[in-house]
PDB file of N, CA and C in Angstrom:
ATOM      1  N   UNK A   1      -6.459 -10.931 -44.670  1.00  0.00           N
ATOM      2  CA  UNK A   1      -5.925  -9.703 -43.678  1.00  0.00           C
ATOM      3  C   UNK A   1      -5.048  -9.957 -42.847  1.00  0.00           C
ATOM      4  N   UNK A   2      -4.123  -9.113 -42.612  1.00  0.00           N
ATOM      5  CA  UNK A   2      -3.354  -9.462 -42.011  1.00  0.00           C
ATOM      6  C   UNK A   2      -4.070  -8.256 -40.437  1.00  0.00           C
ATOM      7  N   UNK A   3      -4.013  -9.761 -39.705  1.00  0.00           N
ATOM      8  CA  UNK A   3      -4.730  -7.907 -39.045  1.00  0.00           C
ATOM      9  C   UNK A   3      -3.567  -7.835 -37.224  1.00  0.00           C
ATOM     10  N   UNK A   4      -3.094  -7.568 -37.257  1.00  0.00           N
ATOM     11  CA  UNK A   4      -1.436  -7.430 -35.876  1.00  0.00           C
ATOM     12  C   UNK A   4      -2.029  -6.059 -34.422  1.00  0.00           C
ATOM     13  N   UNK A   5      -1.493  -6.478 -33.866  1.00  0.00           N
ATOM     14  CA  UNK A   5      -1.956  -5.355 -32.410  1.00  0.00           C
ATOM     15  C   UNK A   5      -0.313  -5.149 -31.565  1.00  0.00           C
ATOM     16  N   UNK A   6      -0.359  -4.170 -31.366  1.00  0.00           N
ATOM     17  CA  UNK A   6       1.301  -3.659 -30.646  1.00  0.00           C
ATOM     18  C   UNK A   6       1.199  -2.609 -29.144  1.00  0.00           C
ATOM     19  N   UNK A   7       1.421  -3.198 -28.679  1.00  0.00           N
ATOM     20  CA  UNK A   7       1.073  -2.800 -27.064  1.00  0.00           C
ATOM     21  C   UNK A   7       2.732  -1.936 -26.501  1.00  0.00           C
ATOM     22  N   UNK A   8       2.979  -0.979 -26.024  1.00  0.00           N
ATOM     23  CA  UNK A   8       3.815  -0.919 -25.711  1.00  0.00           C
ATOM     24  C   UNK A   8       3.750   0.527 -24.009  1.00  0.00           C
ATOM     25  N   UNK A   9       4.372  -0.829 -23.417  1.00  0.00           N
ATOM     26  CA  UNK A   9       3.545  -0.332 -21.121  1.00  0.00           C
ATOM     27  C   UNK A   9       4.808   0.698 -21.232  1.00  0.00           C
ATOM     28  N   UNK A  10       3.819   1.525 -20.734  1.00  0.00           N
ATOM     29  CA  UNK A  10       4.803   3.229 -20.007  1.00  0.00           C
ATOM     30  C   UNK A  10       5.177   2.832 -19.148  1.00  0.00           C
ATOM     31  N   UNK A  11       6.633   2.633 -18.770  1.00  0.00           N
ATOM     32  CA  UNK A  11       7.517   2.050 -17.754  1.00  0.00           C
ATOM     33  C   UNK A  11       7.404   3.648 -16.411  1.00  0.00           C
ATOM     34  N   UNK A  12       7.250   4.713 -17.045  1.00  0.00           N
ATOM     35  CA  UNK A  12       7.641   5.225 -16.401  1.00  0.00           C
ATOM     36  C   UNK A  12       5.520   5.889 -15.342  1.00  0.00           C
ATOM     37  N   UNK A  13       5.846   5.674 -14.494  1.00  0.00           N
ATOM     38  CA  UNK A  13       4.699   5.668 -13.388  1.00  0.00           C
ATOM     39  C   UNK A  13       5.621   6.229 -12.224  1.00  0.00           C
ATOM     40  N   UNK A  14       3.975   6.914 -11.516  1.00  0.00           N
ATOM     41  CA  UNK A  14       4.432   7.409 -10.345  1.00  0.00           C
ATOM     42  C   UNK A  14       4.713   5.399  -9.275  1.00  0.00           C
ATOM     43  N   UNK A  15       5.301   5.968  -7.710  1.00  0.00           N
ATOM     44  CA  UNK A  15       5.290   5.153  -7.146  1.00  0.00           C
ATOM     45  C   UNK A  15       5.710   6.109  -6.048  1.00  0.00           C
ATOM     46  N   UNK A  16       5.306   4.206  -5.146  1.00  0.00           N
ATOM     47  CA  UNK A  16       5.466   5.310  -3.504  1.00  0.00           C
ATOM     48  C   UNK A  16       5.430   4.354  -2.769  1.00  0.00           C
ATOM     49  N   UNK A  17       4.869   5.124  -1.108  1.00  0.00           N
ATOM     50  CA  UNK A  17       4.465   4.146  -0.187  1.00  0.00           C
ATOM     51  C   UNK A  17       3.211   3.601  -0.232  1.00  0.00           C
ATOM     52  N   UNK A  18       2.399   2.681  -0.533  1.00  0.00           N
ATOM     53  CA  UNK A  18       0.981   2.520  -0.864  1.00  0.00           C
ATOM     54  C   UNK A  18       0.323   2.303  -1.818  1.00  0.00           C
ATOM     55  N   UNK A  19       1.292   2.778  -2.682  1.00  0.00           N
ATOM     56  CA  UNK A  19       1.529   3.276  -4.942  1.00  0.00           C
ATOM     57  C   UNK A  19       0.763   1.980  -5.499  1.00  0.00           C
ATOM     58  N   UNK A  20      -0.042   1.341  -5.911  1.00  0.00           N
ATOM     59  CA  UNK A  20      -0.379   0.692  -6.892  1.00  0.00           C
ATOM     60  C   UNK A  20      -1.107   0.743  -7.979  1.00  0.00           C
ATOM     61  N   UNK A  21      -0.361   0.439  -8.619  1.00  0.00           N
ATOM     62  CA  UNK A  21      -0.830   0.283 -10.275  1.00  0.00           C
ATOM     63  C   UNK A  21      -1.605   0.343 -10.442  1.00  0.00           C
ATOM     64  N   UNK A  22      -2.345  -0.877 -10.227  1.00  0.00           N
ATOM     65  CA  UNK A  22      -3.540  -1.169 -10.810  1.00  0.00           C
ATOM     66  C   UNK A  22      -5.148  -0.771  -9.558  1.00  0.00           C
ATOM     67  N   UNK A  23      -4.713  -0.586  -8.573  1.00  0.00           N
ATOM     68  CA  UNK A  23      -5.763   0.908  -7.611  1.00  0.00           C
ATOM     69  C   UNK A  23      -5.215   2.354  -8.160  1.00  0.00           C
ATOM     70  N   UNK A  24      -4.610   2.060  -8.776  1.00  0.00           N
ATOM     71  CA  UNK A  24      -4.388   3.603  -8.921  1.00  0.00           C
ATOM     72  C   UNK A  24      -4.814   4.244 -10.784  1.00  0.00           C
ATOM     73  N   UNK A  25      -5.097   2.855 -11.597  1.00  0.00           N
ATOM     74  CA  UNK A  25      -5.533   3.198 -13.100  1.00  0.00           C
ATOM     75  C   UNK A  25      -3.888   3.553 -13.177  1.00  0.00           C
ATOM     76  N   UNK A  26      -2.763   3.506 -12.918  1.00  0.00           N
ATOM     77  CA  UNK A  26      -1.573   3.680 -13.891  1.00  0.00           C
ATOM     78  C   UNK A  26      -1.148   2.345 -15.040  1.00  0.00           C
ATOM     79  N   UNK A  27      -2.126   2.039 -15.699  1.00  0.00           N
ATOM     80  CA  UNK A  27      -1.491   0.823 -16.498  1.00  0.00           C
ATOM     81  C   UNK A  27      -1.570   1.269 -17.798  1.00  0.00           C
ATOM     82  N   UNK A  28      -0.996   2.322 -18.025  1.00  0.00           N
ATOM     83  CA  UNK A  28      -0.323   2.349 -19.503  1.00  0.00           C
ATOM     84  C   UNK A  28       0.299   2.288 -21.053  1.00  0.00           C
ATOM     85  N   UNK A  29      -0.199   3.265 -21.898  1.00  0.00           N
ATOM     86  CA  UNK A  29       1.373   2.672 -23.023  1.00  0.00           C
ATOM     87  C   UNK A  29       0.516   3.460 -24.258  1.00  0.00           C
ATOM     88  N   UNK A  30       1.737   2.618 -25.076  1.00  0.00           N
ATOM     89  CA  UNK A  30       1.087   3.012 -26.934  1.00  0.00           C
ATOM     90  C   UNK A  30       0.189   1.755 -27.338  1.00  0.00           C
ATOM     91  N   UNK A  31      -1.050   2.401 -27.850  1.00  0.00           N
ATOM     92  CA  UNK A  31      -1.631   1.153 -28.310  1.00  0.00           C
ATOM     93  C   UNK A  31      -1.838   1.512 -30.401  1.00  0.00           C
ATOM     94  N   UNK A  32      -1.024   0.599 -30.659  1.00  0.00           N
ATOM     95  CA  UNK A  32      -1.283   0.538 -32.580  1.00  0.00           C
ATOM     96  C   UNK A  32      -2.127  -1.332 -32.846  1.00  0.00           C
ATOM     97  N   UNK A  33      -2.346  -1.176 -34.464  1.00  0.00           N
ATOM     98  CA  UNK A  33      -3.020  -1.467 -34.888  1.00  0.00           C
ATOM     99  C   UNK A  33      -3.298  -1.597 -36.028  1.00  0.00           C
ATOM    100  N   UNK A  34      -2.350  -2.873 -36.895  1.00  0.00           N
ATOM    101  CA  UNK A  34      -1.761  -3.150 -38.195  1.00  0.00           C
ATOM    102  C   UNK A  34      -2.652  -3.255 -38.947  1.00  0.00           C
ATOM    103  N   UNK A  35      -2.769  -2.950 -39.987  1.00  0.00           N
ATOM    104  CA  UNK A  35      -4.155  -3.636 -40.562  1.00  0.00           C
ATOM    105  C   UNK A  35      -2.759  -4.598 -42.289  1.00  0.00           C
ATOM    106  N   UNK A  36      -2.365  -5.666 -42.634  1.00  0.00           N
ATOM    107  CA  UNK A  36      -1.919  -5.493 -43.822  1.00  0.00           C
ATOM    108  C   UNK A  36      -0.968  -4.809 -43.092  1.00  0.00           C
ATOM    109  N   UNK A  37      -0.067  -4.336 -42.424  1.00  0.00           N
ATOM    110  CA  UNK A  37       1.422  -4.108 -42.225  1.00  0.00           C
ATOM    111  C   UNK A  37       1.011  -2.844 -42.353  1.00  0.00           C
ATOM    112  N   UNK A  38       0.056  -2.088 -42.582  1.00  0.00           N
ATOM    113  CA  UNK A  38      -0.295  -0.581 -42.847  1.00  0.00           C
ATOM    114  C   UNK A  38      -0.535   0.086 -41.479  1.00  0.00           C
ATOM    115  N   UNK A  39      -0.380   0.383 -40.572  1.00  0.00           N
ATOM    116  CA  UNK A  39      -0.935   1.383 -39.556  1.00  0.00           C
ATOM    117  C   UNK A  39      -2.521   2.252 -39.745  1.00  0.00           C
ATOM    118  N   UNK A  40      -3.131   1.455 -38.795  1.00  0.00           N
ATOM    119  CA  UNK A  40      -4.560   1.383 -39.485  1.00  0.00           C
ATOM    120  C   UNK A  40      -5.113   2.495 -37.842  1.00  0.00           C
ATOM    121  N   UNK A  41      -4.759   2.219 -36.901  1.00  0.00           N
ATOM    122  CA  UNK A  41      -5.004   3.066 -35.170  1.00  0.00           C
ATOM    123  C   UNK A  41      -3.747   3.256 -34.359  1.00  0.00           C
ATOM    124  N   UNK A  42      -3.507   4.783 -33.750  1.00  0.00           N
ATOM    125  CA  UNK A  42      -2.482   4.189 -33.092  1.00  0.00           C
ATOM    126  C   UNK A  42      -2.924   5.962 -31.952  1.00  0.00           C
ATOM    127  N   UNK A  43      -2.638   5.160 -30.858  1.00  0.00           N
ATOM    128  CA  UNK A  43      -3.045   6.150 -29.552  1.00  0.00           C
ATOM    129  C   UNK A  43      -2.197   5.311 -28.459  1.00  0.00           C
ATOM    130  N   UNK A  44      -1.424   7.579 -28.028  1.00  0.00           N
ATOM    131  CA  UNK A  44      -0.709   6.443 -27.191  1.00  0.00           C
ATOM    132  C   UNK A  44      -0.656   6.694 -25.475  1.00  0.00           C
ATOM    133  N   UNK A  45      -2.005   7.071 -26.177  1.00  0.00           N
ATOM    134  CA  UNK A  45      -1.646   6.568 -23.954  1.00  0.00           C
ATOM    135  C   UNK A  45      -3.431   5.899 -23.652  1.00  0.00           C
ATOM    136  N   UNK A  46      -3.163   4.912 -24.092  1.00  0.00           N
ATOM    137  CA  UNK A  46      -4.315   4.367 -23.686  1.00  0.00           C
ATOM    138  C   UNK A  46      -3.976   3.255 -21.843  1.00  0.00           C
ATOM    139  N   UNK A  47      -5.036   3.699 -21.192  1.00  0.00           N
ATOM    140  CA  UNK A  47      -4.856   3.230 -19.640  1.00  0.00           C
ATOM    141  C   UNK A  47      -5.447   1.702 -20.505  1.00  0.00           C
ATOM    142  N   UNK A  48      -4.745   0.904 -19.677  1.00  0.00           N
ATOM    143  CA  UNK A  48      -4.980  -0.630 -20.043  1.00  0.00           C
ATOM    144  C   UNK A  48      -5.747  -0.929 -18.768  1.00  0.00           C
ATOM    145  N   UNK A  49      -5.612  -0.827 -17.673  1.00  0.00           N
ATOM    146  CA  UNK A  49      -6.232  -0.825 -16.130  1.00  0.00           C
ATOM    147  C   UNK A  49      -7.223   0.365 -15.378  1.00  0.00           C
ATOM    148  N   UNK A  50      -7.934  -0.191 -15.354  1.00  0.00           N
ATOM    149  CA  UNK A  50      -8.405   1.302 -14.814  1.00  0.00           C
ATOM    150  C   UNK A  50      -9.638   0.959 -13.231  1.00  0.00           C
TER     151      UNK A  50
END
């Protein structure tokens, strides 16, 4: 069985003075999990850090 994880980081995040992505929990993107090259799971808005 071949399992592959793909995470594409969303680079459109708010920014400004004093803003850090880690403190505000805004490191997110799309997560895909493939099993034997077939899409098994897809979530377009996974929060990577909170």
